[in-house]
């Protein structure tokens, strides 16, 4: 298991994507990339373009045949998912179009409690 050393989660994953796509860093088959609280990667008020670059770069990891199977798993609270995946405000440019496209029809709801299940 590895986590890039960077105080900014979006900058850390952006560097991994850059290394993987530009210098062809080898991401081994059966690698799992877990983006906990994915909204921090896809939405950054200080640098909106960074989240869009990440949203474009993640699918590229999945389609590169030389990488083998790679799983990208993101977790996000429903309110953040609704804000990012829902329709944009109609009176402004959509600053998160790539993130919306990435998240479209890719949610799997989890129950809020597991009480009563055995």
N, C-alpha and C. Protein backbone atom coordinates (compact mmCIF):
# COMPACT_ATOMS: atom_id res chain seq x y z
N UNK A 1 0.85 -1.16 0.00
CA UNK A 1 0.00 0.00 0.00
C UNK A 1 0.90 1.23 0.00
N UNK A 2 0.44 2.22 -0.71
CA UNK A 2 1.25 3.41 -0.87
C UNK A 2 0.36 4.63 -0.89
N UNK A 3 0.85 5.71 -0.34
CA UNK A 3 0.13 6.97 -0.40
C UNK A 3 1.16 8.04 -0.71
N UNK A 4 0.93 8.79 -1.77
CA UNK A 4 1.90 9.85 -2.09
C UNK A 4 2.01 10.85 -0.94
N UNK A 5 3.22 11.28 -0.68
CA UNK A 5 3.44 12.25 0.39
C UNK A 5 3.20 13.64 -0.16
N UNK A 6 2.06 14.19 0.19
CA UNK A 6 1.68 15.53 -0.23
C UNK A 6 0.56 15.96 0.70
N UNK A 7 0.62 17.16 1.18
CA UNK A 7 -0.42 17.63 2.09
C UNK A 7 -1.74 17.90 1.37
N UNK A 8 -1.70 17.99 0.07
CA UNK A 8 -2.89 18.24 -0.71
C UNK A 8 -3.25 16.98 -1.47
N UNK A 9 -4.38 16.35 -1.12
CA UNK A 9 -4.79 15.12 -1.80
C UNK A 9 -4.91 15.29 -3.31
N UNK A 10 -5.54 16.38 -3.78
CA UNK A 10 -5.64 16.52 -5.24
C UNK A 10 -4.28 16.62 -5.92
N UNK A 11 -3.34 17.34 -5.32
CA UNK A 11 -2.01 17.43 -5.92
C UNK A 11 -1.31 16.08 -5.92
N UNK A 12 -1.53 15.28 -4.88
CA UNK A 12 -0.90 13.97 -4.80
C UNK A 12 -1.38 13.06 -5.92
N UNK A 13 -2.70 12.96 -6.11
CA UNK A 13 -3.20 12.08 -7.17
C UNK A 13 -2.89 12.65 -8.54
N UNK A 14 -2.88 13.96 -8.68
CA UNK A 14 -2.51 14.56 -9.97
C UNK A 14 -1.08 14.19 -10.32
N UNK A 15 -0.19 14.15 -9.34
CA UNK A 15 1.20 13.76 -9.61
C UNK A 15 1.29 12.30 -10.01
N UNK A 16 0.53 11.43 -9.33
CA UNK A 16 0.51 10.02 -9.70
C UNK A 16 0.00 9.85 -11.13
N UNK A 17 -1.10 10.54 -11.47
CA UNK A 17 -1.64 10.46 -12.83
C UNK A 17 -0.63 10.97 -13.85
N UNK A 18 0.00 12.08 -13.54
CA UNK A 18 1.00 12.63 -14.45
C UNK A 18 2.13 11.64 -14.66
N UNK A 19 2.63 11.06 -13.57
CA UNK A 19 3.72 10.09 -13.69
C UNK A 19 3.29 8.87 -14.50
N UNK A 20 2.05 8.42 -14.27
CA UNK A 20 1.56 7.23 -14.96
C UNK A 20 1.34 7.48 -16.44
N UNK A 21 0.84 8.66 -16.78
CA UNK A 21 0.46 8.92 -18.16
C UNK A 21 1.58 9.57 -18.97
N UNK A 22 2.39 10.38 -18.34
CA UNK A 22 3.42 11.11 -19.08
C UNK A 22 4.72 10.32 -19.13
N UNK A 23 5.19 9.86 -17.98
CA UNK A 23 6.46 9.13 -17.99
C UNK A 23 6.24 7.62 -17.94
N UNK A 24 4.99 7.22 -18.07
CA UNK A 24 4.61 5.80 -18.13
C UNK A 24 5.04 5.01 -16.90
N UNK A 25 4.84 5.63 -15.74
CA UNK A 25 5.05 4.92 -14.50
C UNK A 25 4.27 3.62 -14.55
N UNK A 26 4.88 2.56 -14.18
CA UNK A 26 4.22 1.26 -14.24
C UNK A 26 3.28 1.11 -13.05
N UNK A 27 2.02 1.03 -13.33
CA UNK A 27 1.03 0.70 -12.30
C UNK A 27 0.73 -0.77 -12.50
N UNK A 28 1.07 -1.56 -11.51
CA UNK A 28 1.00 -3.01 -11.62
C UNK A 28 -0.44 -3.48 -11.81
N UNK A 29 -0.62 -4.61 -12.51
CA UNK A 29 -1.94 -5.22 -12.61
C UNK A 29 -2.50 -5.51 -11.22
N UNK A 30 -3.80 -5.48 -11.10
CA UNK A 30 -4.52 -5.73 -9.85
C UNK A 30 -4.24 -4.64 -8.81
N UNK A 31 -3.93 -3.44 -9.28
CA UNK A 31 -3.76 -2.30 -8.38
C UNK A 31 -5.13 -1.71 -8.07
N UNK A 32 -5.33 -1.34 -6.81
CA UNK A 32 -6.55 -0.66 -6.39
C UNK A 32 -6.16 0.76 -6.00
N UNK A 33 -6.83 1.72 -6.60
CA UNK A 33 -6.63 3.13 -6.25
C UNK A 33 -7.90 3.56 -5.54
N UNK A 34 -7.76 3.86 -4.26
CA UNK A 34 -8.91 4.23 -3.44
C UNK A 34 -8.83 5.72 -3.16
N UNK A 35 -9.85 6.44 -3.61
CA UNK A 35 -9.94 7.87 -3.38
C UNK A 35 -11.01 8.12 -2.32
N UNK A 36 -10.59 8.08 -1.07
CA UNK A 36 -11.51 8.32 0.04
C UNK A 36 -11.94 9.78 0.02
N UNK A 37 -13.22 10.04 0.22
CA UNK A 37 -13.76 11.41 0.11
C UNK A 37 -13.39 12.01 -1.25
N UNK A 38 -13.85 11.35 -2.27
CA UNK A 38 -13.50 11.68 -3.65
C UNK A 38 -13.76 13.14 -4.01
N UNK A 39 -14.71 13.76 -3.34
CA UNK A 39 -14.99 15.16 -3.66
C UNK A 39 -13.75 16.04 -3.47
N UNK A 40 -12.85 15.66 -2.58
CA UNK A 40 -11.63 16.45 -2.39
C UNK A 40 -10.72 16.39 -3.60
N UNK A 41 -10.82 15.34 -4.39
CA UNK A 41 -10.00 15.19 -5.59
C UNK A 41 -10.63 15.87 -6.79
N UNK A 42 -11.96 15.81 -6.88
CA UNK A 42 -12.64 16.32 -8.07
C UNK A 42 -13.11 17.76 -7.95
N UNK A 43 -13.17 18.26 -6.75
CA UNK A 43 -13.62 19.64 -6.56
C UNK A 43 -12.65 20.36 -5.64
N UNK A 44 -12.07 21.41 -6.16
CA UNK A 44 -11.12 22.20 -5.39
C UNK A 44 -11.39 23.66 -5.72
N UNK A 45 -11.94 24.38 -4.76
CA UNK A 45 -12.30 25.78 -5.01
C UNK A 45 -11.09 26.63 -5.36
N UNK A 46 -9.94 26.30 -4.80
CA UNK A 46 -8.73 27.09 -5.07
C UNK A 46 -8.21 26.86 -6.49
N UNK A 47 -8.42 25.67 -7.04
CA UNK A 47 -7.90 25.34 -8.38
C UNK A 47 -8.90 24.41 -9.08
N UNK A 48 -9.99 24.95 -9.63
CA UNK A 48 -11.02 24.11 -10.26
C UNK A 48 -10.49 23.25 -11.41
N UNK A 49 -9.48 23.73 -12.12
CA UNK A 49 -8.94 22.96 -13.24
C UNK A 49 -8.26 21.68 -12.78
N UNK A 50 -7.72 21.68 -11.57
CA UNK A 50 -7.04 20.50 -11.05
C UNK A 50 -8.01 19.32 -10.97
N UNK A 51 -9.19 19.54 -10.42
CA UNK A 51 -10.18 18.47 -10.34
C UNK A 51 -10.60 17.97 -11.71
N UNK A 52 -10.69 18.86 -12.67
CA UNK A 52 -11.05 18.45 -14.03
C UNK A 52 -9.93 17.62 -14.67
N UNK A 53 -8.69 17.98 -14.41
CA UNK A 53 -7.56 17.18 -14.94
C UNK A 53 -7.57 15.78 -14.32
N UNK A 54 -7.89 15.70 -13.04
CA UNK A 54 -7.97 14.40 -12.38
C UNK A 54 -9.11 13.58 -12.97
N UNK A 55 -10.27 14.20 -13.18
CA UNK A 55 -11.44 13.51 -13.74
C UNK A 55 -11.15 12.97 -15.14
N UNK A 56 -10.34 13.67 -15.90
CA UNK A 56 -9.96 13.21 -17.24
C UNK A 56 -8.91 12.11 -17.15
N UNK A 57 -7.99 12.22 -16.21
CA UNK A 57 -6.88 11.27 -16.11
C UNK A 57 -7.25 9.91 -15.55
N UNK A 58 -8.21 9.85 -14.66
CA UNK A 58 -8.56 8.57 -14.04
C UNK A 58 -9.01 7.52 -15.06
N UNK A 59 -9.94 7.83 -15.96
CA UNK A 59 -10.34 6.80 -16.94
C UNK A 59 -9.20 6.34 -17.84
N UNK A 60 -8.24 7.20 -18.09
CA UNK A 60 -7.09 6.80 -18.90
C UNK A 60 -6.33 5.64 -18.27
N UNK A 61 -6.31 5.59 -16.94
CA UNK A 61 -5.65 4.46 -16.27
C UNK A 61 -6.37 3.15 -16.54
N UNK A 62 -7.67 3.22 -16.74
CA UNK A 62 -8.46 2.00 -16.93
C UNK A 62 -8.38 1.43 -18.33
N UNK A 63 -8.10 2.25 -19.30
CA UNK A 63 -8.14 1.79 -20.69
C UNK A 63 -6.77 1.47 -21.28
N UNK A 64 -5.70 1.75 -20.55
CA UNK A 64 -4.36 1.46 -21.06
C UNK A 64 -4.12 -0.05 -20.98
N UNK A 65 -4.05 -0.74 -22.13
CA UNK A 65 -3.96 -2.20 -22.12
C UNK A 65 -2.70 -2.74 -21.44
N UNK A 66 -1.63 -1.97 -21.43
CA UNK A 66 -0.38 -2.45 -20.82
C UNK A 66 -0.44 -2.49 -19.29
N UNK A 67 -1.46 -1.91 -18.70
CA UNK A 67 -1.55 -1.85 -17.24
C UNK A 67 -2.18 -3.10 -16.64
N UNK A 68 -2.99 -3.80 -17.37
CA UNK A 68 -3.71 -4.91 -16.78
C UNK A 68 -4.88 -4.39 -15.97
N UNK A 69 -5.55 -5.25 -15.22
CA UNK A 69 -6.72 -4.77 -14.48
C UNK A 69 -6.33 -3.80 -13.37
N UNK A 70 -7.02 -2.67 -13.35
CA UNK A 70 -6.86 -1.65 -12.32
C UNK A 70 -8.26 -1.29 -11.84
N UNK A 71 -8.44 -1.16 -10.54
CA UNK A 71 -9.71 -0.76 -9.97
C UNK A 71 -9.54 0.62 -9.34
N UNK A 72 -10.41 1.54 -9.72
CA UNK A 72 -10.44 2.86 -9.10
C UNK A 72 -11.73 2.93 -8.31
N UNK A 73 -11.59 3.08 -7.00
CA UNK A 73 -12.74 3.11 -6.10
C UNK A 73 -12.76 4.45 -5.40
N UNK A 74 -13.88 5.12 -5.47
CA UNK A 74 -14.03 6.39 -4.79
C UNK A 74 -15.20 6.33 -3.83
N UNK A 75 -15.04 6.91 -2.67
CA UNK A 75 -16.12 6.99 -1.71
C UNK A 75 -16.49 8.45 -1.50
N UNK A 76 -17.79 8.67 -1.36
CA UNK A 76 -18.27 10.04 -1.25
C UNK A 76 -19.62 10.02 -0.53
N UNK A 77 -19.83 10.96 0.37
CA UNK A 77 -21.12 11.10 1.03
C UNK A 77 -22.16 11.51 -0.01
N UNK A 78 -23.42 11.06 0.16
CA UNK A 78 -24.47 11.35 -0.83
C UNK A 78 -24.63 12.83 -1.17
N UNK A 79 -24.53 13.71 -0.20
CA UNK A 79 -24.71 15.14 -0.50
C UNK A 79 -23.62 15.65 -1.42
N UNK A 80 -22.40 15.17 -1.27
CA UNK A 80 -21.31 15.60 -2.16
C UNK A 80 -21.48 14.99 -3.56
N UNK A 81 -21.93 13.73 -3.60
CA UNK A 81 -22.16 13.09 -4.89
C UNK A 81 -23.26 13.84 -5.65
N UNK A 82 -24.34 14.18 -4.96
CA UNK A 82 -25.44 14.90 -5.61
C UNK A 82 -24.97 16.25 -6.14
N UNK A 83 -24.11 16.93 -5.40
CA UNK A 83 -23.62 18.24 -5.83
C UNK A 83 -22.71 18.13 -7.05
N UNK A 84 -21.89 17.09 -7.10
CA UNK A 84 -20.96 16.95 -8.23
C UNK A 84 -21.58 16.25 -9.42
N UNK A 85 -22.44 15.28 -9.18
CA UNK A 85 -22.98 14.49 -10.29
C UNK A 85 -24.28 15.07 -10.83
N UNK A 86 -24.92 15.93 -10.07
CA UNK A 86 -26.19 16.50 -10.50
C UNK A 86 -26.01 17.52 -11.60
N UNK A 87 -27.10 18.02 -12.11
CA UNK A 87 -27.02 18.99 -13.21
C UNK A 87 -26.37 20.29 -12.74
N UNK A 88 -25.62 20.93 -13.62
CA UNK A 88 -24.99 22.21 -13.26
C UNK A 88 -26.01 23.33 -13.21
N UNK A 89 -25.64 24.40 -12.56
CA UNK A 89 -26.49 25.60 -12.58
C UNK A 89 -26.57 26.08 -14.03
N UNK A 90 -27.74 26.47 -14.46
CA UNK A 90 -27.91 26.83 -15.87
C UNK A 90 -27.39 28.21 -16.21
N UNK A 91 -27.16 29.04 -15.20
CA UNK A 91 -26.76 30.41 -15.49
C UNK A 91 -25.25 30.62 -15.48
N UNK A 92 -24.47 29.57 -15.31
CA UNK A 92 -23.01 29.69 -15.30
C UNK A 92 -22.39 28.57 -16.12
N UNK A 93 -21.15 28.78 -16.51
CA UNK A 93 -20.41 27.71 -17.18
C UNK A 93 -20.23 26.55 -16.21
N UNK A 94 -20.28 25.33 -16.72
CA UNK A 94 -20.09 24.15 -15.88
C UNK A 94 -18.60 23.95 -15.66
N UNK A 95 -18.12 24.34 -14.49
CA UNK A 95 -16.70 24.23 -14.18
C UNK A 95 -16.30 22.81 -13.79
N UNK A 96 -17.28 21.90 -13.73
CA UNK A 96 -17.00 20.52 -13.32
C UNK A 96 -17.57 19.52 -14.32
N UNK A 97 -17.57 19.87 -15.58
CA UNK A 97 -18.15 19.00 -16.61
C UNK A 97 -17.48 17.63 -16.67
N UNK A 98 -16.16 17.58 -16.55
CA UNK A 98 -15.45 16.30 -16.62
C UNK A 98 -15.75 15.44 -15.38
N UNK A 99 -15.84 16.06 -14.22
CA UNK A 99 -16.19 15.31 -13.01
C UNK A 99 -17.60 14.76 -13.13
N UNK A 100 -18.54 15.55 -13.66
CA UNK A 100 -19.91 15.07 -13.85
C UNK A 100 -19.94 13.88 -14.80
N UNK A 101 -19.18 13.98 -15.87
CA UNK A 101 -19.13 12.88 -16.84
C UNK A 101 -18.52 11.62 -16.20
N UNK A 102 -17.51 11.80 -15.40
CA UNK A 102 -16.88 10.67 -14.73
C UNK A 102 -17.85 9.98 -13.76
N UNK A 103 -18.64 10.75 -13.05
CA UNK A 103 -19.53 10.20 -12.04
C UNK A 103 -20.88 9.73 -12.59
N UNK A 104 -21.21 10.09 -13.81
CA UNK A 104 -22.52 9.77 -14.39
C UNK A 104 -22.79 8.27 -14.34
N UNK A 105 -23.88 7.92 -13.69
CA UNK A 105 -24.36 6.53 -13.60
C UNK A 105 -23.32 5.58 -13.00
N UNK A 106 -22.50 6.11 -12.11
CA UNK A 106 -21.48 5.26 -11.50
C UNK A 106 -21.58 5.23 -9.98
N UNK A 107 -22.77 5.44 -9.47
CA UNK A 107 -22.92 5.42 -8.02
C UNK A 107 -23.52 4.10 -7.57
N UNK A 108 -23.11 3.69 -6.42
CA UNK A 108 -23.64 2.50 -5.76
C UNK A 108 -23.98 2.92 -4.34
N UNK A 109 -25.25 3.05 -4.08
CA UNK A 109 -25.70 3.51 -2.77
C UNK A 109 -25.46 2.45 -1.71
N UNK A 110 -25.05 2.89 -0.55
CA UNK A 110 -24.84 2.00 0.59
C UNK A 110 -25.82 2.43 1.67
N UNK A 111 -26.43 1.46 2.34
CA UNK A 111 -27.40 1.80 3.38
C UNK A 111 -26.73 2.59 4.50
N UNK A 112 -27.51 3.41 5.17
CA UNK A 112 -26.94 4.25 6.23
C UNK A 112 -26.70 3.45 7.51
N UNK A 113 -27.28 2.28 7.60
CA UNK A 113 -27.05 1.44 8.79
C UNK A 113 -27.12 -0.02 8.38
N UNK A 114 -26.44 -0.85 9.13
CA UNK A 114 -26.46 -2.28 8.87
C UNK A 114 -27.23 -3.03 9.96
N UNK A 115 -27.96 -2.30 10.79
CA UNK A 115 -28.74 -2.91 11.87
C UNK A 115 -29.74 -3.90 11.32
N UNK A 116 -29.85 -5.01 11.99
CA UNK A 116 -30.82 -6.02 11.59
C UNK A 116 -30.33 -7.01 10.54
N UNK A 117 -29.17 -6.77 9.98
CA UNK A 117 -28.61 -7.69 8.99
C UNK A 117 -27.65 -8.66 9.69
N UNK A 118 -27.76 -9.91 9.34
CA UNK A 118 -26.86 -10.93 9.94
C UNK A 118 -26.17 -11.72 8.89
